[in-house]
Amino acid sequence: MGGIEDDEPPSKRVKVSPIRQQASSSLIDSMAQLPASQEADKVLGSKGVIKKGELVRIIVDALYSLGYSKSASRLEEESGIHLHHSLVDFFVKQILDGRWDESVATLHQICPRDDAVVKLASFVIFEQKFFEFLDGEKVTDALNTLRNEITPLCVNSGRVRELSYSFLSQFNNINEGISQESRLKSRKKLLEEIQKLLPPAVAIPENRLVHLVEQVLDLQKDACKFHNSSVGEMSLLTDHHCGTDRIPSRTLQILHDHNDEVWFLQFSHNGKYLASSSGDCLVIIWELMVDGQVCMKHKLSGHLKPVSYISFSPDDLQILTCGAEETVRRWDVISGKCLQAYEKNGLGFVSCGWALDGKSVFTGLADKSIYMWDLEGKEVDCWKGARTIRIADMGIANNGKDLVTVSKENTISLFSWQTNYEKFIQEDETITSFALSEDGKLLLVSLLNEELHLWNIDGCTELISKYRGHKRSRFVIRSCFGGLEQSFIASGSEDSQVYIWHRLSGELISKLAGHSGAVNCVSWNPANPHMLASASDDRTIRIWGLNRVTSSNHCNGFHNGKT
């Protein structure tokens, strides 16, 4: 059936999503039971796993869904393999005619060995019967249906209570009976609901062929090590494969405005700004212009020590900067003005981060405590103990509910600050830094032994991948997620190169040479999968882009805020 609107009020029926529109305007064409035949039992393909009967039925179903009814009927006739069994045809007609008891009897014949399915389907059939009795002012019949047919099924007791309440609320104020057209629409909705309960052998799942094709395309995309562009459609006519030209590999720009080693850099969430910090105690806010060029917007001074960490606010209009065991400052991105300095009894700050609503900030202190502040610098809350060590990273996960910090040299804490619940990730090696994925569900941990570990922190924590190849012996080297759907992992390295891995396979796919000193930090533009920035001891920042630019795809710039 197509998307038919239901005229009944919300209290009457649970709405279900419409199934495909077919030229026959009947659910008959989407419900089937394959008759036994030699043709249907044949297998196809080199692996011998595709059943011809199932394939033909799925094709027939797709033809009906696309509106090619004549072609679908011809295929059924020529193949001798039918989309539906005549018994299902009979069942559909009984539902549309409102012959409820007969339809339940037929349902037992369609699914003779599946009592659970029969009970669930019978429940929604009798529920429809109940409502139609109410709408027809047949109160006694409605009550009998509720007591003698719905309740004995022992299915969905909560829904039974809702039906009882519906009966009582209408007992003294019965609505006018619904028209035959409206009732027919509701019965078609009912058929859609029943379809989802029946086994696939009886009712082919909605858009099954399209779903199978999408699965194949997703698998090919995931297997493609260089897939990094949503521009251009994947073709069904050939296997998908991208070349190395889809990931950043060419230096587009070198920024020389820092006067010392560049320690940290971070793109804003919208990709329009880049903030960097250096041993010169300065923070620079850069702006990405429409043509893709990166230009200095503000040079922020005020810190007395080098800035070790920067965090953009959720709306990208402000940044926090943390001096190495000094103060945390809050700046306006547009004007470059310092809005607030956060200080605590001479204790140095080591990390900072924003609450998800942007109305408060978190800071880690040198005494291993964590403080929460409002924007005006007032203390809101604090958590003492071994909450953080002198590692600058701090993250917010679990929809803003969890603080992620390094609580010991080899331990990461996921602290639910609202409930004081805490869980830990323990590594065998010393942790040097970490990064969170955009959705806060993945955690990338950099270790002293030159490994990156990828953890799933959505629910139960689980180590899911390791990445190796980069060099780290003396400095803090930072890594990041990036690319389309964050399909890549990038990291700095003490051998002056940027390393890029395919996230799912763990394969090292590129090394970017150009810096003349250790690469301390990398950041991938969240709004442009083709732009990567790297910060180095050679006092420069490099902006990396694609190795080729085509007129149809402005790879290294912005369109409407995106690539």
Protein backbone atom coordinates (compact mmCIF):
# COMPACT_ATOMS: atom_id res chain seq x y z
CA MET A 1 0.00 0.00 0.00
CA GLY A 2 1.09 3.56 -0.43
CA GLY A 3 1.20 6.37 2.10
CA ILE A 4 -2.50 6.49 3.00
CA GLU A 5 -3.43 8.94 5.72
CA ASP A 6 -5.39 7.75 8.74
CA ASP A 7 -8.33 9.94 9.66
CA GLU A 8 -8.66 8.48 13.15
CA PRO A 9 -7.46 10.45 16.18
CA PRO A 10 -4.16 9.40 17.82
CA SER A 11 -5.94 7.56 20.64
CA LYS A 12 -7.55 5.18 18.20
CA ARG A 13 -4.61 3.41 16.58
CA VAL A 14 -0.86 3.28 16.75
CA LYS A 15 0.40 4.82 13.52
CA VAL A 16 2.71 2.68 11.42
CA SER A 17 4.94 3.72 8.56
CA PRO A 18 3.41 3.08 5.14
CA ILE A 19 4.70 0.26 3.00
CA ARG A 20 5.51 0.57 -0.66
CA GLN A 21 2.94 1.84 -3.15
CA GLN A 22 2.01 -0.82 -5.68
CA ALA A 23 0.04 -0.44 -8.85
CA SER A 24 -2.55 -2.96 -7.64
CA SER A 25 -3.18 -0.81 -4.53
CA SER A 26 -3.34 -3.96 -2.45
CA LEU A 27 -1.12 -5.50 0.17
CA ILE A 28 -1.74 -8.81 -1.59
CA ASP A 29 1.21 -8.04 -3.86
CA SER A 30 3.60 -7.65 -0.93
CA MET A 31 2.60 -10.81 0.96
CA ALA A 32 3.57 -14.24 -0.25
CA GLN A 33 4.19 -17.85 0.46
CA LEU A 34 6.34 -19.51 -2.15
CA PRO A 35 4.72 -22.61 -3.62
CA ALA A 36 6.95 -25.64 -3.84
CA SER A 37 8.34 -26.10 -7.35
CA GLN A 38 11.49 -27.35 -8.96
CA GLU A 39 12.21 -23.90 -10.41
CA ALA A 40 11.93 -22.24 -7.03
CA ASP A 41 14.31 -24.75 -5.42
CA LYS A 42 17.15 -24.08 -7.88
CA VAL A 43 20.22 -22.18 -6.68
CA LEU A 44 22.13 -19.53 -8.59
CA GLY A 45 25.58 -17.99 -8.53
CA SER A 46 29.06 -19.45 -8.24
CA LYS A 47 28.71 -20.01 -4.49
CA GLY A 48 25.35 -21.72 -4.73
CA VAL A 49 23.70 -19.71 -1.97
CA ILE A 50 21.10 -17.71 -3.91
CA LYS A 51 17.73 -19.44 -4.15
CA LYS A 52 16.07 -18.76 -7.46
CA GLY A 53 12.58 -18.69 -5.96
CA GLU A 54 13.52 -16.04 -3.42
CA LEU A 55 15.35 -13.94 -6.00
CA VAL A 56 12.43 -14.01 -8.43
CA ARG A 57 9.97 -13.07 -5.67
CA ILE A 58 12.15 -10.14 -4.59
CA ILE A 59 12.37 -8.94 -8.21
CA VAL A 60 8.61 -9.27 -8.65
CA ASP A 61 8.05 -7.35 -5.44
CA ALA A 62 10.45 -4.60 -6.62
CA LEU A 63 8.64 -4.34 -9.96
CA TYR A 64 5.31 -3.88 -8.20
CA SER A 65 6.90 -1.28 -5.91
CA LEU A 66 8.22 0.62 -8.94
CA GLY A 67 4.79 0.59 -10.54
CA TYR A 68 5.56 -1.98 -13.25
CA SER A 69 2.57 -4.20 -12.55
CA LYS A 70 2.33 -5.72 -16.02
CA SER A 71 6.01 -6.66 -16.02
CA ALA A 72 5.69 -8.16 -12.54
CA SER A 73 2.66 -10.24 -13.55
CA ARG A 74 4.41 -11.40 -16.70
CA LEU A 75 7.45 -12.48 -14.71
CA GLU A 76 5.23 -14.46 -12.31
CA GLU A 77 3.50 -16.13 -15.24
CA GLU A 78 6.66 -16.94 -17.15
CA SER A 79 8.68 -18.18 -14.17
CA GLY A 80 5.85 -20.05 -12.48
CA ILE A 81 7.03 -18.46 -9.21
CA HIS A 82 4.40 -16.27 -7.61
CA LEU A 83 4.89 -13.45 -5.20
CA HIS A 84 2.02 -14.52 -2.96
CA HIS A 85 0.02 -17.60 -2.10
CA SER A 86 -3.72 -17.66 -2.78
CA LEU A 87 -4.35 -18.16 0.94
CA VAL A 88 -2.69 -14.83 1.66
CA ASP A 89 -4.87 -13.27 -1.03
CA PHE A 90 -7.91 -14.63 0.77
CA PHE A 91 -6.62 -13.34 4.14
CA VAL A 92 -6.14 -9.81 2.77
CA LYS A 93 -9.66 -9.74 1.38
CA GLN A 94 -11.06 -10.85 4.73
CA ILE A 95 -9.25 -8.00 6.50
CA LEU A 96 -10.43 -5.40 3.98
CA ASP A 97 -14.00 -6.70 4.29
CA GLY A 98 -13.86 -6.63 8.08
CA ARG A 99 -14.43 -10.36 8.52
CA TRP A 100 -12.29 -10.47 11.65
CA ASP A 101 -13.00 -13.94 13.01
CA GLU A 102 -12.53 -15.53 9.59
CA SER A 103 -9.26 -13.68 9.08
CA VAL A 104 -7.90 -14.98 12.40
CA ALA A 105 -8.84 -18.52 11.35
CA THR A 106 -7.01 -18.03 8.04
CA LEU A 107 -4.03 -16.61 9.92
CA HIS A 108 -3.69 -19.92 11.77
CA GLN A 109 -3.47 -21.66 8.40
CA ILE A 110 -0.84 -19.23 7.09
CA CYS A 111 1.38 -19.60 10.19
CA PRO A 112 0.43 -23.00 11.65
CA ARG A 113 3.68 -23.46 13.60
CA ASP A 114 4.26 -19.97 14.97
CA ASP A 115 1.94 -19.32 17.91
CA ALA A 116 3.76 -16.14 18.93
CA VAL A 117 3.25 -14.51 15.52
CA VAL A 118 -0.39 -15.64 15.40
CA LYS A 119 -1.03 -14.12 18.84
CA LEU A 120 0.57 -10.79 17.96
CA ALA A 121 -1.24 -10.54 14.63
CA SER A 122 -4.53 -11.64 16.20
CA PHE A 123 -4.11 -8.92 18.82
CA VAL A 124 -3.95 -6.11 16.25
CA ILE A 125 -6.85 -7.65 14.29
CA PHE A 126 -9.08 -7.80 17.36
CA GLU A 127 -7.93 -4.32 18.35
CA GLN A 128 -9.19 -3.05 15.01
CA LYS A 129 -12.43 -4.97 15.55
CA PHE A 130 -12.79 -3.35 18.98
CA PHE A 131 -12.37 0.19 17.63
CA GLU A 132 -14.78 -0.35 14.77
CA PHE A 133 -17.42 -1.58 17.23
CA LEU A 134 -16.88 1.56 19.29
CA ASP A 135 -17.11 3.77 16.22
CA GLY A 136 -20.31 1.98 15.26
CA GLU A 137 -21.76 2.59 18.72
CA LYS A 138 -21.83 -1.15 19.37
CA VAL A 139 -20.63 -0.79 22.94
CA THR A 140 -21.59 -4.28 24.12
CA ASP A 141 -19.83 -5.93 21.17
CA ALA A 142 -16.73 -3.79 21.81
CA LEU A 143 -16.69 -4.82 25.47
CA ASN A 144 -17.09 -8.51 24.56
CA THR A 145 -14.20 -8.25 22.10
CA LEU A 146 -11.99 -6.67 24.76
CA ARG A 147 -12.91 -9.21 27.44
CA ASN A 148 -13.22 -12.42 25.46
CA GLU A 149 -10.85 -12.02 22.51
CA ILE A 150 -8.14 -9.46 23.28
CA THR A 151 -7.46 -10.05 26.98
CA PRO A 152 -7.17 -13.89 26.79
CA LEU A 153 -4.29 -13.53 24.28
CA CYS A 154 -2.08 -12.28 27.18
CA VAL A 155 -0.27 -9.93 24.82
CA ASN A 156 0.82 -6.34 25.58
CA SER A 157 -0.93 -5.80 28.90
CA GLY A 158 -0.08 -2.09 28.76
CA ARG A 159 -1.94 -1.72 25.50
CA VAL A 160 -4.91 -3.64 26.94
CA ARG A 161 -5.12 -1.06 29.75
CA GLU A 162 -5.08 1.71 27.14
CA LEU A 163 -7.96 0.03 25.29
CA SER A 164 -9.89 -0.26 28.54
CA TYR A 165 -9.39 3.43 29.21
CA SER A 166 -10.44 4.22 25.65
CA PHE A 167 -13.65 2.22 26.20
CA LEU A 168 -14.45 4.00 29.47
CA SER A 169 -13.70 7.46 28.06
CA GLN A 170 -16.07 6.88 25.15
CA PHE A 171 -18.83 5.12 27.07
CA ASN A 172 -20.60 8.37 27.89
CA ASN A 173 -19.61 10.27 24.75
CA ILE A 174 -19.55 8.02 21.71
CA ASN A 175 -18.25 9.67 18.57
CA GLU A 176 -20.11 9.54 15.33
CA GLY A 177 -19.48 6.42 13.28
CA ILE A 178 -16.66 6.68 10.77
CA SER A 179 -17.31 6.47 7.07
CA GLN A 180 -16.66 3.38 4.97
CA GLU A 181 -13.77 5.18 3.23
CA SER A 182 -12.08 6.05 6.51
CA ARG A 183 -12.64 2.54 7.81
CA LEU A 184 -11.06 1.09 4.67
CA LYS A 185 -8.04 3.32 5.11
CA SER A 186 -7.66 2.11 8.67
CA ARG A 187 -7.89 -1.52 7.55
CA LYS A 188 -5.12 -0.94 5.04
CA LYS A 189 -3.01 0.48 7.87
CA LEU A 190 -3.81 -2.66 9.80
CA LEU A 191 -2.53 -4.81 6.93
CA GLU A 192 0.73 -2.88 6.93
CA GLU A 193 1.09 -3.56 10.65
CA ILE A 194 0.37 -7.28 10.19
CA GLN A 195 2.89 -7.47 7.36
CA LYS A 196 5.68 -6.50 9.75
CA LEU A 197 4.72 -9.33 12.11
CA LEU A 198 4.60 -12.14 9.57
CA PRO A 199 7.68 -14.21 8.62
CA PRO A 200 9.65 -13.09 5.50
CA ALA A 201 8.54 -16.26 3.70
CA VAL A 202 4.98 -14.96 3.95
CA ALA A 203 5.54 -11.20 3.68
CA ILE A 204 8.67 -9.96 1.98
CA PRO A 205 10.18 -7.10 4.04
CA GLU A 206 9.54 -3.64 2.65
CA ASN A 207 11.93 -2.54 -0.13
CA ARG A 208 13.94 -5.73 0.25
CA LEU A 209 15.81 -5.42 -3.06
CA VAL A 210 16.75 -1.80 -2.40
CA HIS A 211 17.93 -2.76 1.09
CA LEU A 212 20.14 -5.56 -0.29
CA VAL A 213 21.70 -3.24 -2.88
CA GLU A 214 22.37 -0.59 -0.23
CA GLN A 215 24.09 -3.21 1.92
CA VAL A 216 26.39 -4.14 -0.97
CA LEU A 217 27.25 -0.48 -1.62
CA ASP A 218 27.96 0.10 2.09
CA LEU A 219 30.26 -2.93 2.19
CA GLN A 220 32.14 -1.72 -0.88
CA LYS A 221 32.42 1.77 0.58
CA ASP A 222 33.73 0.46 3.89
CA ALA A 223 36.25 -1.75 2.09
CA CYS A 224 37.48 1.18 0.00
CA LYS A 225 40.54 2.50 1.84
CA PHE A 226 40.41 5.92 0.19
CA HIS A 227 36.66 6.66 0.11
CA ASN A 228 36.47 10.28 1.18
CA SER A 229 33.90 12.11 -0.91
CA SER A 230 30.13 12.28 -0.95
CA VAL A 231 30.24 14.10 -4.28
CA GLY A 232 29.14 11.83 -7.12
CA GLU A 233 26.99 8.75 -6.80
CA MET A 234 28.28 5.23 -6.43
CA SER A 235 27.32 3.27 -9.51
CA LEU A 236 25.56 -0.09 -9.57
CA LEU A 237 27.27 -0.86 -12.87
CA THR A 238 30.77 -1.31 -11.48
CA ASP A 239 32.52 -2.20 -8.22
CA HIS A 240 33.40 0.87 -6.17
CA HIS A 241 37.01 1.94 -5.74
CA CYS A 242 38.55 5.35 -4.99
CA GLY A 243 42.12 6.36 -5.69
CA THR A 244 44.68 7.97 -3.42
CA ASP A 245 43.71 11.37 -4.79
CA ARG A 246 40.67 11.41 -2.47
CA ILE A 247 42.66 12.06 0.71
CA PRO A 248 44.81 15.12 1.57
CA SER A 249 48.33 14.67 0.23
CA ARG A 250 49.52 18.05 -1.10
CA THR A 251 50.60 21.13 0.84
CA LEU A 252 48.25 23.95 -0.11
CA GLN A 253 49.56 26.58 2.29
CA ILE A 254 52.28 27.08 4.91
CA LEU A 255 51.56 29.45 7.82
CA HIS A 256 54.64 31.11 9.39
CA ASP A 257 53.14 33.51 11.95
CA HIS A 258 54.22 31.69 15.13
CA ASN A 259 57.65 32.51 16.56
CA ASP A 260 58.26 29.18 18.30
CA GLU A 261 57.36 25.50 18.07
CA VAL A 262 53.65 25.03 17.29
CA TRP A 263 52.24 22.68 19.91
CA PHE A 264 48.53 22.51 19.31
CA LEU A 265 45.88 23.31 16.72
CA GLN A 266 42.18 22.65 16.32
CA PHE A 267 39.52 23.36 13.71
CA SER A 268 36.16 24.73 14.81
CA HIS A 269 33.14 22.46 14.51
CA ASN A 270 31.86 24.36 11.49
CA GLY A 271 35.28 24.24 9.83
CA LYS A 272 35.47 28.01 9.34
CA TYR A 273 38.16 28.69 11.93
CA LEU A 274 41.45 27.18 12.99
CA ALA A 275 43.07 27.98 16.34
CA SER A 276 46.73 27.26 17.10
CA SER A 277 49.12 27.72 20.01
CA SER A 278 52.87 27.79 20.32
CA GLY A 279 55.79 27.99 22.67
CA ASP A 280 55.68 31.75 22.08
CA CYS A 281 52.69 31.92 24.50
CA LEU A 282 50.45 33.20 21.71
CA VAL A 283 47.21 31.82 20.34
CA ILE A 284 46.29 32.58 16.74
CA ILE A 285 42.78 32.33 15.33
CA TRP A 286 42.78 31.71 11.60
CA GLU A 287 39.81 32.09 9.26
CA LEU A 288 39.14 29.99 6.20
CA MET A 289 38.07 32.16 3.32
CA VAL A 290 35.64 31.21 0.56
CA ASP A 291 38.52 30.47 -1.83
CA GLY A 292 40.00 27.98 0.65
CA GLN A 293 42.86 30.22 1.78
CA VAL A 294 43.65 30.37 5.50
CA CYS A 295 44.20 33.90 6.83
CA MET A 296 45.14 35.13 10.29
CA LYS A 297 42.13 36.72 12.05
CA HIS A 298 43.43 37.40 15.58
CA LYS A 299 46.66 36.99 17.51
CA LEU A 300 45.70 36.50 21.18
CA SER A 301 48.16 37.50 23.89
CA GLY A 302 47.71 37.29 27.65
CA HIS A 303 49.08 33.92 28.69
CA LEU A 304 52.41 33.96 30.51
CA LYS A 305 53.20 30.36 29.62
CA PRO A 306 52.83 28.36 26.40
CA VAL A 307 49.24 27.29 25.70
CA SER A 308 48.88 23.52 25.77
CA TYR A 309 45.20 23.12 24.87
CA ILE A 310 42.40 24.90 22.96
CA SER A 311 38.68 24.12 22.89
CA PHE A 312 36.01 25.70 20.70
CA SER A 313 32.58 26.32 22.20
CA PRO A 314 29.70 24.26 20.77
CA ASP A 315 28.57 27.28 18.69
CA ASP A 316 32.18 28.12 17.63
CA LEU A 317 31.82 31.72 18.79
CA GLN A 318 34.23 31.37 21.73
CA ILE A 319 37.35 29.41 22.60
CA LEU A 320 39.00 28.29 25.81
CA THR A 321 42.79 28.35 26.03
CA CYS A 322 44.76 26.62 28.76
CA GLY A 323 48.25 27.78 29.63
CA ALA A 324 50.62 25.07 30.79
CA GLU A 325 49.82 24.96 34.54
CA GLU A 326 48.69 28.55 34.37
CA THR A 327 45.17 30.00 33.79
CA VAL A 328 42.30 29.17 31.48
CA ARG A 329 41.04 32.06 29.38
CA ARG A 330 37.80 32.45 27.44
CA TRP A 331 37.94 34.47 24.21
CA ASP A 332 35.47 35.83 21.70
CA VAL A 333 36.31 34.40 18.29
CA ILE A 334 34.88 37.30 16.28
CA SER A 335 36.44 40.20 18.21
CA GLY A 336 39.49 38.47 19.70
CA LYS A 337 38.65 39.93 23.12
CA CYS A 338 39.40 38.01 26.33
CA LEU A 339 36.05 37.58 28.08
CA GLN A 340 37.09 35.75 31.25
CA ALA A 341 40.14 34.38 33.05
CA TYR A 342 39.60 31.36 35.33
CA GLU A 343 42.00 31.14 38.30
CA LYS A 344 42.11 29.04 41.49
CA ASN A 345 44.23 29.95 44.53
CA GLY A 346 47.51 29.85 42.68
CA LEU A 347 46.91 26.34 41.36
CA GLY A 348 47.86 25.79 37.74
CA PHE A 349 45.29 24.59 35.21
CA VAL A 350 46.15 21.63 32.99
CA SER A 351 43.03 21.07 30.85
CA CYS A 352 39.72 22.61 29.83
CA GLY A 353 36.50 21.80 28.00
CA TRP A 354 32.98 23.02 27.33
CA ALA A 355 29.69 21.66 28.63
CA LEU A 356 27.46 20.57 25.77
CA ASP A 357 25.09 23.53 26.21
CA GLY A 358 27.98 26.03 26.09
CA LYS A 359 26.82 27.65 29.36
CA SER A 360 29.55 26.27 31.61
CA VAL A 361 33.14 25.06 31.37
CA PHE A 362 35.22 22.33 32.99
CA THR A 363 38.84 22.66 34.02
CA GLY A 364 41.42 20.21 35.28
CA LEU A 365 43.86 21.50 37.91
CA ALA A 366 47.39 20.55 38.87
CA ASP A 367 46.12 19.07 42.18
CA LYS A 368 44.21 16.45 40.06
CA SER A 369 40.79 17.96 40.78
CA ILE A 370 38.15 19.05 38.26
CA TYR A 371 36.16 22.26 38.58
CA MET A 372 32.98 23.36 36.83
CA TRP A 373 32.46 27.10 36.26
CA ASP A 374 29.78 29.33 34.82
CA LEU A 375 30.79 31.70 32.05
CA GLU A 376 31.33 34.58 34.47
CA GLY A 377 33.98 32.66 36.43
CA LYS A 378 31.87 31.48 39.37
CA GLU A 379 32.56 27.99 40.71
CA VAL A 380 29.56 25.73 40.16
CA ASP A 381 30.92 22.38 41.34
CA CYS A 382 34.16 20.52 41.97
CA TRP A 383 35.33 16.94 42.19
CA LYS A 384 38.41 16.20 44.27
CA GLY A 385 40.70 13.22 44.11
CA ALA A 386 42.62 11.63 41.26
CA ARG A 387 40.35 12.96 38.51
CA THR A 388 43.04 14.15 36.12
CA ILE A 389 46.81 14.27 35.79
CA ARG A 390 49.03 16.73 33.99
CA ILE A 391 47.83 15.81 30.51
CA ALA A 392 46.04 18.62 28.73
CA ASP A 393 43.31 16.58 27.06
CA MET A 394 39.73 16.72 28.31
CA GLY A 395 36.65 15.50 26.45
CA ILE A 396 32.87 15.42 26.81
CA ALA A 397 31.07 12.21 25.81
CA ASN A 398 27.71 10.45 26.20
CA ASN A 399 25.66 13.46 25.07
CA GLY A 400 27.45 15.76 27.47
CA LYS A 401 27.00 13.55 30.52
CA ASP A 402 30.54 12.12 30.82
CA LEU A 403 33.84 13.87 31.40
CA VAL A 404 36.77 12.06 29.79
CA THR A 405 40.15 12.61 31.43
CA VAL A 406 43.41 10.78 32.12
CA SER A 407 43.18 9.97 35.85
CA LYS A 408 46.41 7.92 36.09
CA GLU A 409 49.35 7.42 33.79
CA ASN A 410 47.74 4.42 32.12
CA THR A 411 44.06 4.98 32.98
CA ILE A 412 41.30 7.00 31.35
CA SER A 413 38.29 7.99 33.44
CA LEU A 414 34.77 8.39 32.09
CA PHE A 415 33.15 10.34 34.88
CA SER A 416 29.38 11.00 34.88
CA TRP A 417 29.50 14.32 36.68
CA GLN A 418 25.73 14.46 37.23
CA THR A 419 25.54 11.08 39.00
CA ASN A 420 29.16 10.67 40.21
CA TYR A 421 29.30 7.29 38.43
CA GLU A 422 32.74 6.51 37.04
CA LYS A 423 34.16 3.82 34.79
CA PHE A 424 37.71 3.32 33.59
CA ILE A 425 39.75 2.26 30.58
CA GLN A 426 43.09 0.82 31.57
CA GLU A 427 46.00 0.59 29.15
CA ASP A 428 49.22 -1.38 29.59
CA GLU A 429 51.34 1.59 28.52
CA THR A 430 51.55 5.24 29.58
CA ILE A 431 48.95 7.47 27.91
CA THR A 432 50.29 10.63 26.26
CA SER A 433 47.11 12.10 24.75
CA PHE A 434 43.65 11.19 23.47
CA ALA A 435 40.98 12.41 21.05
CA LEU A 436 37.22 11.87 20.87
CA SER A 437 35.22 11.20 17.72
CA GLU A 438 32.69 13.79 16.63
CA ASP A 439 29.77 11.81 18.08
CA GLY A 440 31.62 11.08 21.34
CA LYS A 441 31.29 7.31 20.88
CA LEU A 442 34.91 6.50 19.96
CA LEU A 443 38.08 7.31 21.86
CA LEU A 444 41.53 7.40 20.25
CA VAL A 445 44.36 6.95 22.75
CA SER A 446 48.02 7.73 22.02
CA LEU A 447 50.48 5.62 23.98
CA LEU A 448 54.13 5.86 24.94
CA ASN A 449 54.97 2.69 22.96
CA GLU A 450 54.14 4.34 19.59
CA GLU A 451 50.68 2.82 19.28
CA LEU A 452 47.25 4.35 18.88
CA HIS A 453 44.35 2.43 20.42
CA LEU A 454 40.76 2.91 19.31
CA TRP A 455 38.11 2.27 21.97
CA ASN A 456 34.36 2.11 21.72
CA ILE A 457 32.97 3.97 24.77
CA ASP A 458 29.30 3.89 23.78
CA GLY A 459 27.94 1.61 26.51
CA CYS A 460 30.43 -1.11 27.39
CA THR A 461 34.01 -0.09 26.64
CA GLU A 462 35.81 -2.21 24.07
CA LEU A 463 39.19 -2.01 22.32
CA ILE A 464 38.41 -2.29 18.62
CA SER A 465 41.59 -1.39 16.72
CA LYS A 466 45.29 -0.52 16.94
CA TYR A 467 47.39 1.68 14.67
CA ARG A 468 51.18 1.58 14.34
CA GLY A 469 53.92 3.17 12.27
CA HIS A 470 54.41 6.72 13.54
CA LYS A 471 57.40 7.73 15.66
CA ARG A 472 57.25 9.02 19.24
CA SER A 473 60.03 8.94 21.81
CA ARG A 474 60.23 12.30 23.61
CA PHE A 475 57.24 14.57 22.92
CA VAL A 476 53.48 14.63 23.21
CA ILE A 477 52.22 13.69 19.75
CA ARG A 478 48.52 14.19 19.05
CA SER A 479 46.19 12.33 16.73
CA CYS A 480 42.67 12.88 15.42
CA PHE A 481 39.70 11.45 13.54
CA GLY A 482 38.85 12.82 10.13
CA GLY A 483 37.57 12.53 6.62
CA LEU A 484 34.10 11.64 5.38
CA GLU A 485 32.19 9.97 8.24
CA GLN A 486 35.49 10.12 10.17
CA SER A 487 36.79 7.16 8.16
CA PHE A 488 40.45 7.99 8.81
CA ILE A 489 42.89 8.34 11.67
CA ALA A 490 45.70 10.91 11.40
CA SER A 491 48.66 11.47 13.69
CA GLY A 492 51.73 13.59 13.99
CA SER A 493 55.15 11.97 14.30
CA GLU A 494 58.64 12.82 15.46
CA ASP A 495 60.04 11.90 12.03
CA SER A 496 58.47 15.13 10.62
CA GLN A 497 55.67 13.34 8.80
CA VAL A 498 51.88 13.08 9.08
CA TYR A 499 50.56 9.50 9.20
CA ILE A 500 47.10 8.51 7.94
CA TRP A 501 45.35 5.15 8.53
CA HIS A 502 42.07 3.75 7.27
CA ARG A 503 40.03 3.54 10.47
CA LEU A 504 38.13 0.30 9.83
CA SER A 505 40.96 -1.79 8.39
CA GLY A 506 43.77 -0.25 10.47
CA GLU A 507 45.95 -0.07 7.35
CA LEU A 508 48.50 2.73 7.06
CA ILE A 509 47.59 4.35 3.73
CA SER A 510 49.65 7.56 3.56
CA LYS A 511 52.61 9.46 4.97
CA LEU A 512 52.76 13.18 4.27
CA ALA A 513 56.26 14.68 4.14
CA GLY A 514 57.03 18.40 4.21
CA HIS A 515 57.76 19.54 7.75
CA SER A 516 61.37 19.83 8.90
CA GLY A 517 60.64 19.17 12.58
CA ALA A 518 58.50 16.87 14.70
CA VAL A 519 54.77 17.10 13.90
CA ASN A 520 53.14 17.69 17.28
CA CYS A 521 49.47 17.89 16.39
CA VAL A 522 47.05 17.33 13.52
CA SER A 523 43.45 18.43 12.99
CA TRP A 524 41.08 17.39 10.20
CA ASN A 525 38.52 19.94 9.08
CA PRO A 526 35.07 18.63 10.21
CA ALA A 527 33.31 20.45 7.36
CA ASN A 528 35.80 19.60 4.62
CA PRO A 529 37.01 15.97 4.43
CA HIS A 530 39.73 17.06 2.03
CA MET A 531 41.48 19.52 4.37
CA LEU A 532 43.97 18.61 7.09
CA ALA A 533 46.19 20.86 9.22
CA SER A 534 49.46 19.94 10.96
CA ALA A 535 51.54 21.78 13.56
CA SER A 536 55.31 21.30 13.87
CA ASP A 537 58.44 22.11 15.80
CA ASP A 538 59.62 23.86 12.62
CA ARG A 539 57.33 26.75 13.74
CA THR A 540 54.94 26.30 10.83
CA ILE A 541 51.44 25.06 10.21
CA ARG A 542 50.78 23.19 6.98
CA ILE A 543 47.37 23.05 5.31
CA TRP A 544 47.00 19.87 3.29
CA GLY A 545 44.52 19.25 0.48
CA LEU A 546 43.88 17.01 -2.50
CA ASN A 547 46.50 16.43 -5.12
CA ARG A 548 44.14 17.50 -7.90
CA VAL A 549 41.24 19.93 -8.21
CA THR A 550 38.41 19.50 -10.68
CA SER A 551 35.97 22.14 -11.79
CA SER A 552 33.01 20.08 -10.61
CA ASN A 553 34.32 19.55 -7.10
CA HIS A 554 35.84 22.45 -5.17
CA CYS A 555 37.80 20.04 -3.04
CA ASN A 556 39.82 22.48 -0.98
CA GLY A 557 37.23 25.19 -0.35
CA PHE A 558 33.71 25.59 0.94
CA HIS A 559 30.28 25.51 -0.60
CA ASN A 560 27.48 26.61 1.69
CA GLY A 561 29.58 25.77 4.71
CA LYS A 562 30.47 22.32 3.35
CA THR A 563 33.02 20.98 0.91
